[in-house]
Amino acid sequence: MLTIDVERTIDVVVVKCSGRLVRGAALSILRNAVLSEANTRIIVLDLSEVEIIDAGGLAALLTLQKWTDERHIQLKLVNPSPFVLETMQRLRLDRVFEISTLHDALMVLANQAFASVHYAMAS
């Protein structure tokens, strides 16, 4: 079973995944959660509580990567569980996705927000 929690800010959506990211209903839940966020700038997938991922789950992540790229939305994977990270590294998918810790992702987002505010103030 997969549980999804979605938190939104103005232009960032954090999708926290818990459970099993495997073929079946779980992938539809994830897909629907991400596809409903077409009007955002950044989607952060928190994979820290994903226990298992199978080929279907990996394929879904690749599909979501393509979907976000086509819409100029940044997709960031953060805190993958050890099993998920090892699986992605073995398949060299760590070269396809932007994977970081949640802390690192928040620092990048904070810097981007500051740059936007700074730019707006300079105008």
C-alpha atoms as a PDB file:
ATOM      1  CA  MET A   1       0.000   0.000   0.000  1.00  0.00           C
ATOM      2  CA  LEU A   2       1.162   3.525  -0.790  1.00  0.00           C
ATOM      3  CA  THR A   3       0.161   6.647   1.108  1.00  0.00           C
ATOM      4  CA  ILE A   4       0.656  10.094  -0.369  1.00  0.00           C
ATOM      5  CA  ASP A   5       0.726  13.394   1.533  1.00  0.00           C
ATOM      6  CA  VAL A   6       0.844  16.604  -0.505  1.00  0.00           C
ATOM      7  CA  GLU A   7       1.975  19.973   0.809  1.00  0.00           C
ATOM      8  CA  ARG A   8       1.839  23.081  -1.361  1.00  0.00           C
ATOM      9  CA  THR A   9       3.411  26.502  -1.277  1.00  0.00           C
ATOM     10  CA  ILE A  10       3.121  29.140  -3.952  1.00  0.00           C
ATOM     11  CA  ASP A  11       5.218  27.321  -6.552  1.00  0.00           C
ATOM     12  CA  VAL A  12       6.580  24.224  -4.790  1.00  0.00           C
ATOM     13  CA  VAL A  13       4.751  20.995  -4.108  1.00  0.00           C
ATOM     14  CA  VAL A  14       6.138  18.340  -1.764  1.00  0.00           C
ATOM     15  CA  VAL A  15       4.726  14.853  -2.323  1.00  0.00           C
ATOM     16  CA  LYS A  16       5.614  12.585   0.593  1.00  0.00           C
ATOM     17  CA  CYS A  17       5.357   8.899  -0.297  1.00  0.00           C
ATOM     18  CA  SER A  18       5.060   6.171   2.346  1.00  0.00           C
ATOM     19  CA  GLY A  19       4.830   2.432   1.763  1.00  0.00           C
ATOM     20  CA  ARG A  20       5.346   0.391  -1.370  1.00  0.00           C
ATOM     21  CA  LEU A  21       5.872   1.994  -4.769  1.00  0.00           C
ATOM     22  CA  VAL A  22       4.946  -1.042  -6.842  1.00  0.00           C
ATOM     23  CA  ARG A  23       2.913  -1.927  -9.901  1.00  0.00           C
ATOM     24  CA  GLY A  24      -0.834  -1.529  -9.469  1.00  0.00           C
ATOM     25  CA  ALA A  25      -3.003   0.980  -7.649  1.00  0.00           C
ATOM     26  CA  ALA A  26      -0.026   2.570  -5.892  1.00  0.00           C
ATOM     27  CA  LEU A  27       1.306   3.925  -9.168  1.00  0.00           C
ATOM     28  CA  SER A  28      -2.052   5.434 -10.079  1.00  0.00           C
ATOM     29  CA  ILE A  29      -2.134   7.206  -6.712  1.00  0.00           C
ATOM     30  CA  LEU A  30       1.317   8.695  -7.282  1.00  0.00           C
ATOM     31  CA  ARG A  31       0.638   9.581 -10.901  1.00  0.00           C
ATOM     32  CA  ASN A  32      -2.636  11.347 -10.018  1.00  0.00           C
ATOM     33  CA  ALA A  33      -0.973  13.282  -7.190  1.00  0.00           C
ATOM     34  CA  VAL A  34       1.781  14.573  -9.479  1.00  0.00           C
ATOM     35  CA  LEU A  35      -0.334  15.174 -12.596  1.00  0.00           C
ATOM     36  CA  SER A  36      -2.747  17.308 -10.573  1.00  0.00           C
ATOM     37  CA  GLU A  37       0.121  19.746  -9.907  1.00  0.00           C
ATOM     38  CA  ALA A  38       0.603  20.986 -13.468  1.00  0.00           C
ATOM     39  CA  ASN A  39       0.601  24.638 -12.363  1.00  0.00           C
ATOM     40  CA  THR A  40       3.640  24.520 -10.122  1.00  0.00           C
ATOM     41  CA  ARG A  41       7.319  25.221 -10.687  1.00  0.00           C
ATOM     42  CA  ILE A  42       8.907  22.455  -8.593  1.00  0.00           C
ATOM     43  CA  ILE A  43       7.683  19.050  -7.459  1.00  0.00           C
ATOM     44  CA  VAL A  44       9.640  17.397  -4.665  1.00  0.00           C
ATOM     45  CA  LEU A  45       9.077  13.667  -4.197  1.00  0.00           C
ATOM     46  CA  ASP A  46      10.042  12.661  -0.659  1.00  0.00           C
ATOM     47  CA  LEU A  47      10.891   8.958  -0.868  1.00  0.00           C
ATOM     48  CA  SER A  48      12.235   8.559   2.678  1.00  0.00           C
ATOM     49  CA  GLU A  49       9.431   6.239   3.733  1.00  0.00           C
ATOM     50  CA  VAL A  50       9.212   4.131   0.564  1.00  0.00           C
ATOM     51  CA  GLU A  51      10.018   0.583   1.678  1.00  0.00           C
ATOM     52  CA  ILE A  52       9.968  -1.147  -1.704  1.00  0.00           C
ATOM     53  CA  ILE A  53      10.131  -0.047  -5.322  1.00  0.00           C
ATOM     54  CA  ASP A  54       9.769  -2.393  -8.280  1.00  0.00           C
ATOM     55  CA  ALA A  55      10.213  -2.027 -12.039  1.00  0.00           C
ATOM     56  CA  GLY A  56       6.729  -0.545 -12.298  1.00  0.00           C
ATOM     57  CA  GLY A  57       7.595   2.077  -9.685  1.00  0.00           C
ATOM     58  CA  LEU A  58      10.820   2.966 -11.459  1.00  0.00           C
ATOM     59  CA  ALA A  59       8.974   3.209 -14.773  1.00  0.00           C
ATOM     60  CA  ALA A  60       6.409   5.504 -13.161  1.00  0.00           C
ATOM     61  CA  LEU A  61       9.182   7.786 -11.891  1.00  0.00           C
ATOM     62  CA  LEU A  62      10.697   7.912 -15.381  1.00  0.00           C
ATOM     63  CA  THR A  63       7.279   8.749 -16.865  1.00  0.00           C
ATOM     64  CA  LEU A  64       6.790  11.522 -14.311  1.00  0.00           C
ATOM     65  CA  GLN A  65      10.281  12.848 -15.097  1.00  0.00           C
ATOM     66  CA  LYS A  66       9.353  13.074 -18.777  1.00  0.00           C
ATOM     67  CA  TRP A  67       5.986  14.679 -17.979  1.00  0.00           C
ATOM     68  CA  THR A  68       7.572  17.341 -15.760  1.00  0.00           C
ATOM     69  CA  ASP A  69      10.344  18.039 -18.296  1.00  0.00           C
ATOM     70  CA  GLU A  70       7.754  18.634 -21.023  1.00  0.00           C
ATOM     71  CA  ARG A  71       6.017  21.188 -18.788  1.00  0.00           C
ATOM     72  CA  HIS A  72       9.223  22.855 -17.578  1.00  0.00           C
ATOM     73  CA  ILE A  73       8.590  21.701 -14.018  1.00  0.00           C
ATOM     74  CA  GLN A  74      11.577  20.649 -11.917  1.00  0.00           C
ATOM     75  CA  LEU A  75      11.220  17.178 -10.391  1.00  0.00           C
ATOM     76  CA  LYS A  76      13.438  16.509  -7.388  1.00  0.00           C
ATOM     77  CA  LEU A  77      13.704  13.203  -5.540  1.00  0.00           C
ATOM     78  CA  VAL A  78      14.699  13.623  -1.915  1.00  0.00           C
ATOM     79  CA  ASN A  79      15.734  11.290   0.872  1.00  0.00           C
ATOM     80  CA  PRO A  80      15.219   7.981  -0.906  1.00  0.00           C
ATOM     81  CA  SER A  81      15.236   5.107   1.556  1.00  0.00           C
ATOM     82  CA  PRO A  82      18.397   2.970   1.477  1.00  0.00           C
ATOM     83  CA  PHE A  83      16.660   0.274  -0.600  1.00  0.00           C
ATOM     84  CA  VAL A  84      15.329   2.785  -3.140  1.00  0.00           C
ATOM     85  CA  LEU A  85      18.662   4.606  -3.398  1.00  0.00           C
ATOM     86  CA  GLU A  86      20.612   1.374  -3.856  1.00  0.00           C
ATOM     87  CA  THR A  87      18.159   0.178  -6.511  1.00  0.00           C
ATOM     88  CA  MET A  88      18.436   3.452  -8.408  1.00  0.00           C
ATOM     89  CA  GLN A  89      22.229   3.439  -8.171  1.00  0.00           C
ATOM     90  CA  ARG A  90      22.502  -0.128  -9.440  1.00  0.00           C
ATOM     91  CA  LEU A  91      20.376   0.770 -12.438  1.00  0.00           C
ATOM     92  CA  ARG A  92      22.246   4.057 -12.871  1.00  0.00           C
ATOM     93  CA  LEU A  93      19.009   6.001 -12.486  1.00  0.00           C
ATOM     94  CA  ASP A  94      20.786   8.286 -10.049  1.00  0.00           C
ATOM     95  CA  ARG A  95      22.214   9.865 -13.216  1.00  0.00           C
ATOM     96  CA  VAL A  96      18.742  10.475 -14.636  1.00  0.00           C
ATOM     97  CA  PHE A  97      17.086  12.008 -11.573  1.00  0.00           C
ATOM     98  CA  GLU A  98      18.088  14.879  -9.357  1.00  0.00           C
ATOM     99  CA  ILE A  99      18.427  13.102  -5.993  1.00  0.00           C
ATOM    100  CA  SER A 100      19.311  14.925  -2.792  1.00  0.00           C
ATOM    101  CA  THR A 101      18.637  15.125   0.899  1.00  0.00           C
ATOM    102  CA  LEU A 102      15.614  17.108   1.980  1.00  0.00           C
ATOM    103  CA  HIS A 103      17.928  19.620   3.665  1.00  0.00           C
ATOM    104  CA  ASP A 104      19.879  20.195   0.439  1.00  0.00           C
ATOM    105  CA  ALA A 105      16.687  20.562  -1.597  1.00  0.00           C
ATOM    106  CA  LEU A 106      15.294  23.105   0.883  1.00  0.00           C
ATOM    107  CA  MET A 107      18.540  25.104   0.763  1.00  0.00           C
ATOM    108  CA  VAL A 108      18.376  25.263  -3.041  1.00  0.00           C
ATOM    109  CA  LEU A 109      14.720  26.282  -2.927  1.00  0.00           C
ATOM    110  CA  ALA A 110      15.417  28.929  -0.289  1.00  0.00           C
ATOM    111  CA  ASN A 111      18.242  30.376  -2.385  1.00  0.00           C
ATOM    112  CA  GLN A 112      15.991  30.468  -5.462  1.00  0.00           C
ATOM    113  CA  ALA A 113      13.255  32.207  -3.453  1.00  0.00           C
ATOM    114  CA  PHE A 114      15.784  34.747  -2.140  1.00  0.00           C
ATOM    115  CA  ALA A 115      17.091  35.378  -5.638  1.00  0.00           C
ATOM    116  CA  SER A 116      13.527  35.978  -6.849  1.00  0.00           C
ATOM    117  CA  VAL A 117      12.774  38.381  -4.003  1.00  0.00           C
ATOM    118  CA  HIS A 118      16.097  40.137  -4.510  1.00  0.00           C
ATOM    119  CA  TYR A 119      15.409  40.519  -8.216  1.00  0.00           C
ATOM    120  CA  ALA A 120      11.906  41.798  -7.575  1.00  0.00           C
ATOM    121  CA  MET A 121      13.273  44.394  -5.150  1.00  0.00           C
ATOM    122  CA  ALA A 122      15.890  45.556  -7.648  1.00  0.00           C
ATOM    123  CA  SER A 123      13.324  46.213 -10.379  1.00  0.00           C
END
